[in-house]
Every structure is written in structure tokens, then in C-alpha cells.
Amino acid sequence: MSKVEEKLAELGLTLPEVAKPVAAYVPAIRSGEYVFTSGQLPVVEGKLPKTGKVGAEVDPDEAKQLAQTCALNALAAVKSVIGDLDRIEQVVKVVGFVASAPDFTGQPAVINGASELLGEALGEAGVHARSAVGVAVLPLDAPVEVELQVRVKAGA
């Protein structure tokens, strides 16, 4: 088990199986020293635990937890490409999408669920640039979606 996965276990979390794509794409792809994930939904055991808009059907605190699940799914996708999460040198960028009620403006706090998890699991390597974007709707009516760009250690 990698140090990153050990840290996740200390947090009471386990890395899931890679979520199956819902369309014609792969969960992650490597280009040189970078791995790019596709947008990851908060799928747990093949299902979305919650659907709807944040600020309407979905409470912002629930959405923050769902963003954490998205980040776990993204880490699983990265692992499927590089084999060992300890090979991550830096999370470079996180992009988070929040399906938002028209008057909801708390997208950054929701995506903190992903950002905080990455910081806790990866330490300094988890510090990243980020965008948190409100959108009208996401695939399968998911409340949140997260994608990562990570740099992999040389020679890994």
C-alpha cells in the first residue's frame, strides 16, 4: 500500500475501484510527466448517492462530501495510469463543477471537499491551483464533478 493510501486509511477512507465511464472516454490519460483525469462524479459502488442542484435539493455540506468522493475517484483514476500514488509529485490543477441552484454562490466551499482531501492525503504535493465553477446541470444529474491534473515524478 502506498503512503498516500495509508494516509487515506488514517482518514477512514479507501481508494475505490475506478469509476466506469458514462460515455466514450477513458478515466485518465498520461501525457509525458502529466496525468489528466476525466471529470469524476461522486459515484459510490456504481451509483450516485445524491442527485440534484446544490442550494436546492442538495445541501452545501453534503455537496462538499460529494466533492471529496469525486477526488477519491480521481485519485483512483490516476492510480490506474501510474500504478502507485506515491509517484505523484504535484497536483497541479483541480477543476470542480457544481450543479447550482440559480441563487447559489458557494461553489468554492463545495470544491474545498476535494481540495482539503488532496492536501490531507498528499501534503505539499496536494497543494494546487483550482477553479470552482457553477453550472446548470451535470451528467446523470450529479451535484458535483471534479477533474485533476497531476505531475508525476521523473522516471516514474
Protein backbone atom coordinates (compact mmCIF):
# COMPACT_ATOMS: atom_id res chain seq x y z
CA MET A 1 0.00 0.00 0.00
CA SER A 2 1.31 3.45 -0.91
CA LYS A 3 1.91 6.15 1.70
CA VAL A 4 -0.94 8.11 0.13
CA GLU A 5 -3.31 5.16 0.55
CA GLU A 6 -2.10 4.69 4.13
CA LYS A 7 -2.92 8.34 4.81
CA LEU A 8 -6.37 7.86 3.28
CA ALA A 9 -6.88 4.86 5.56
CA GLU A 10 -5.95 7.01 8.58
CA LEU A 11 -8.71 9.38 7.44
CA GLY A 12 -11.15 6.46 7.32
CA LEU A 13 -11.20 6.40 3.53
CA THR A 14 -10.33 3.76 0.96
CA LEU A 15 -9.45 4.19 -2.67
CA PRO A 16 -12.36 2.87 -4.74
CA GLU A 17 -12.27 0.91 -7.96
CA VAL A 18 -12.00 3.19 -10.99
CA ALA A 19 -15.44 4.51 -11.88
CA LYS A 20 -16.67 3.27 -15.26
CA PRO A 21 -17.04 6.00 -17.88
CA VAL A 22 -20.60 7.01 -18.72
CA ALA A 23 -19.68 7.81 -22.35
CA ALA A 24 -16.84 7.47 -24.89
CA TYR A 25 -13.72 8.41 -22.90
CA VAL A 26 -11.12 6.97 -20.53
CA PRO A 27 -10.95 7.80 -16.79
CA ALA A 28 -7.39 9.19 -17.08
CA ILE A 29 -4.58 9.55 -19.57
CA ARG A 30 -0.88 10.25 -19.26
CA SER A 31 0.92 12.76 -21.46
CA GLY A 32 4.62 13.00 -20.64
CA GLU A 33 5.02 13.86 -16.97
CA TYR A 34 1.33 14.72 -16.53
CA VAL A 35 -1.80 12.70 -15.87
CA PHE A 36 -5.15 14.25 -16.72
CA THR A 37 -8.34 12.76 -15.34
CA SER A 38 -11.70 12.96 -16.95
CA GLY A 39 -14.36 14.61 -14.85
CA GLN A 40 -15.15 12.30 -11.93
CA LEU A 41 -18.64 12.12 -10.49
CA PRO A 42 -19.30 11.19 -6.84
CA VAL A 43 -20.09 7.60 -7.78
CA VAL A 44 -20.02 5.06 -4.93
CA GLU A 45 -20.26 1.39 -5.88
CA GLY A 46 -21.64 2.29 -9.29
CA LYS A 47 -24.32 4.71 -8.08
CA LEU A 48 -24.74 8.38 -7.29
CA PRO A 49 -25.66 8.71 -3.59
CA LYS A 50 -27.39 12.05 -4.26
CA THR A 51 -28.65 13.96 -7.30
CA GLY A 52 -29.89 17.48 -7.89
CA LYS A 53 -28.77 21.07 -7.58
CA VAL A 54 -26.66 22.38 -4.73
CA GLY A 55 -28.60 25.02 -2.85
CA ALA A 56 -31.90 23.33 -3.73
CA GLU A 57 -32.14 19.52 -3.43
CA VAL A 58 -28.58 19.14 -2.14
CA ASP A 59 -27.23 20.83 1.00
CA PRO A 60 -23.83 22.54 0.51
CA ASP A 61 -22.27 20.42 3.28
CA GLU A 62 -23.50 17.25 1.56
CA ALA A 63 -22.08 18.55 -1.71
CA LYS A 64 -18.71 19.17 -0.06
CA GLN A 65 -18.62 15.49 0.98
CA LEU A 66 -19.57 14.51 -2.56
CA ALA A 67 -16.67 16.60 -3.90
CA GLN A 68 -14.39 14.59 -1.61
CA THR A 69 -15.78 11.42 -3.19
CA CYS A 70 -15.06 12.86 -6.63
CA ALA A 71 -11.45 13.48 -5.58
CA LEU A 72 -11.14 9.89 -4.33
CA ASN A 73 -12.46 8.67 -7.67
CA ALA A 74 -9.97 10.92 -9.47
CA LEU A 75 -7.09 9.52 -7.40
CA ALA A 76 -8.24 6.01 -8.33
CA ALA A 77 -8.16 7.05 -11.99
CA VAL A 78 -4.63 8.44 -11.58
CA LYS A 79 -3.51 5.23 -9.88
CA SER A 80 -4.89 3.19 -12.79
CA VAL A 81 -2.43 5.01 -15.06
CA ILE A 82 0.70 5.28 -12.87
CA GLY A 83 0.26 2.28 -10.56
CA ASP A 84 1.37 3.99 -7.33
CA LEU A 85 0.02 7.25 -5.91
CA ASP A 86 3.37 7.93 -4.25
CA ARG A 87 4.60 8.76 -7.77
CA ILE A 88 2.55 11.97 -7.71
CA GLU A 89 4.96 14.88 -7.48
CA GLN A 90 2.31 17.60 -7.52
CA VAL A 91 -1.40 18.07 -8.00
CA VAL A 92 -1.14 20.92 -10.48
CA LYS A 93 -4.77 21.84 -11.08
CA VAL A 94 -8.20 20.91 -9.79
CA VAL A 95 -11.32 21.88 -11.71
CA GLY A 96 -14.60 21.48 -9.88
CA PHE A 97 -18.08 21.86 -11.31
CA VAL A 98 -21.10 22.40 -9.08
CA ALA A 99 -24.63 21.96 -10.40
CA SER A 100 -26.07 25.02 -8.74
CA ALA A 101 -29.46 26.44 -7.91
CA PRO A 102 -29.78 29.85 -9.61
CA ASP A 103 -29.01 31.81 -6.43
CA PHE A 104 -26.26 29.52 -5.07
CA THR A 105 -22.81 31.16 -4.93
CA GLY A 106 -20.89 28.83 -2.60
CA GLN A 107 -19.09 26.79 -5.27
CA PRO A 108 -15.61 27.36 -3.76
CA ALA A 109 -16.70 25.98 -0.37
CA VAL A 110 -18.17 22.88 -2.04
CA ILE A 111 -14.99 22.15 -4.01
CA ASN A 112 -13.00 22.55 -0.80
CA GLY A 113 -14.12 18.96 -0.16
CA ALA A 114 -11.81 17.83 -2.95
CA SER A 115 -9.03 20.30 -2.20
CA GLU A 116 -8.88 19.54 1.51
CA LEU A 117 -8.75 15.79 0.86
CA LEU A 118 -5.88 16.19 -1.59
CA GLY A 119 -3.97 18.32 0.90
CA GLU A 120 -4.52 15.83 3.72
CA ALA A 121 -3.62 12.79 1.62
CA LEU A 122 -0.67 14.24 -0.31
CA GLY A 123 0.69 17.00 1.94
CA GLU A 124 2.62 19.65 0.00
CA ALA A 125 2.18 17.62 -3.21
CA GLY A 126 -1.57 18.17 -2.83
CA VAL A 127 -1.38 21.99 -2.92
CA HIS A 128 -2.82 23.10 -6.27
CA ALA A 129 -4.31 25.77 -8.47
CA ARG A 130 -8.09 25.48 -8.80
CA SER A 131 -11.28 26.56 -10.50
CA ALA A 132 -14.73 26.13 -8.94
CA VAL A 133 -17.47 26.66 -11.49
CA GLY A 134 -21.24 26.75 -11.11
CA VAL A 135 -23.17 25.04 -13.91
CA ALA A 136 -26.83 24.42 -14.71
CA VAL A 137 -26.62 20.61 -14.84
CA LEU A 138 -24.04 17.80 -14.75
CA PRO A 139 -24.13 14.28 -16.20
CA LEU A 140 -26.68 11.97 -14.54
CA ASP A 141 -27.91 14.99 -12.53
CA ALA A 142 -24.82 14.74 -10.30
CA PRO A 143 -24.38 17.66 -7.88
CA VAL A 144 -20.59 17.88 -8.38
CA GLU A 145 -17.82 16.79 -10.73
CA VAL A 146 -14.06 17.08 -10.25
CA GLU A 147 -11.09 16.63 -12.56
CA LEU A 148 -7.38 16.63 -11.72
CA GLN A 149 -4.13 17.35 -13.47
CA VAL A 150 -1.10 15.86 -11.70
CA ARG A 151 2.63 15.87 -12.40
CA VAL A 152 4.36 12.54 -11.94
CA LYS A 153 7.89 12.21 -10.53
CA ALA A 154 10.65 11.87 -13.13
CA GLY A 155 11.39 8.27 -14.02
CA ALA A 156 8.02 7.10 -12.73
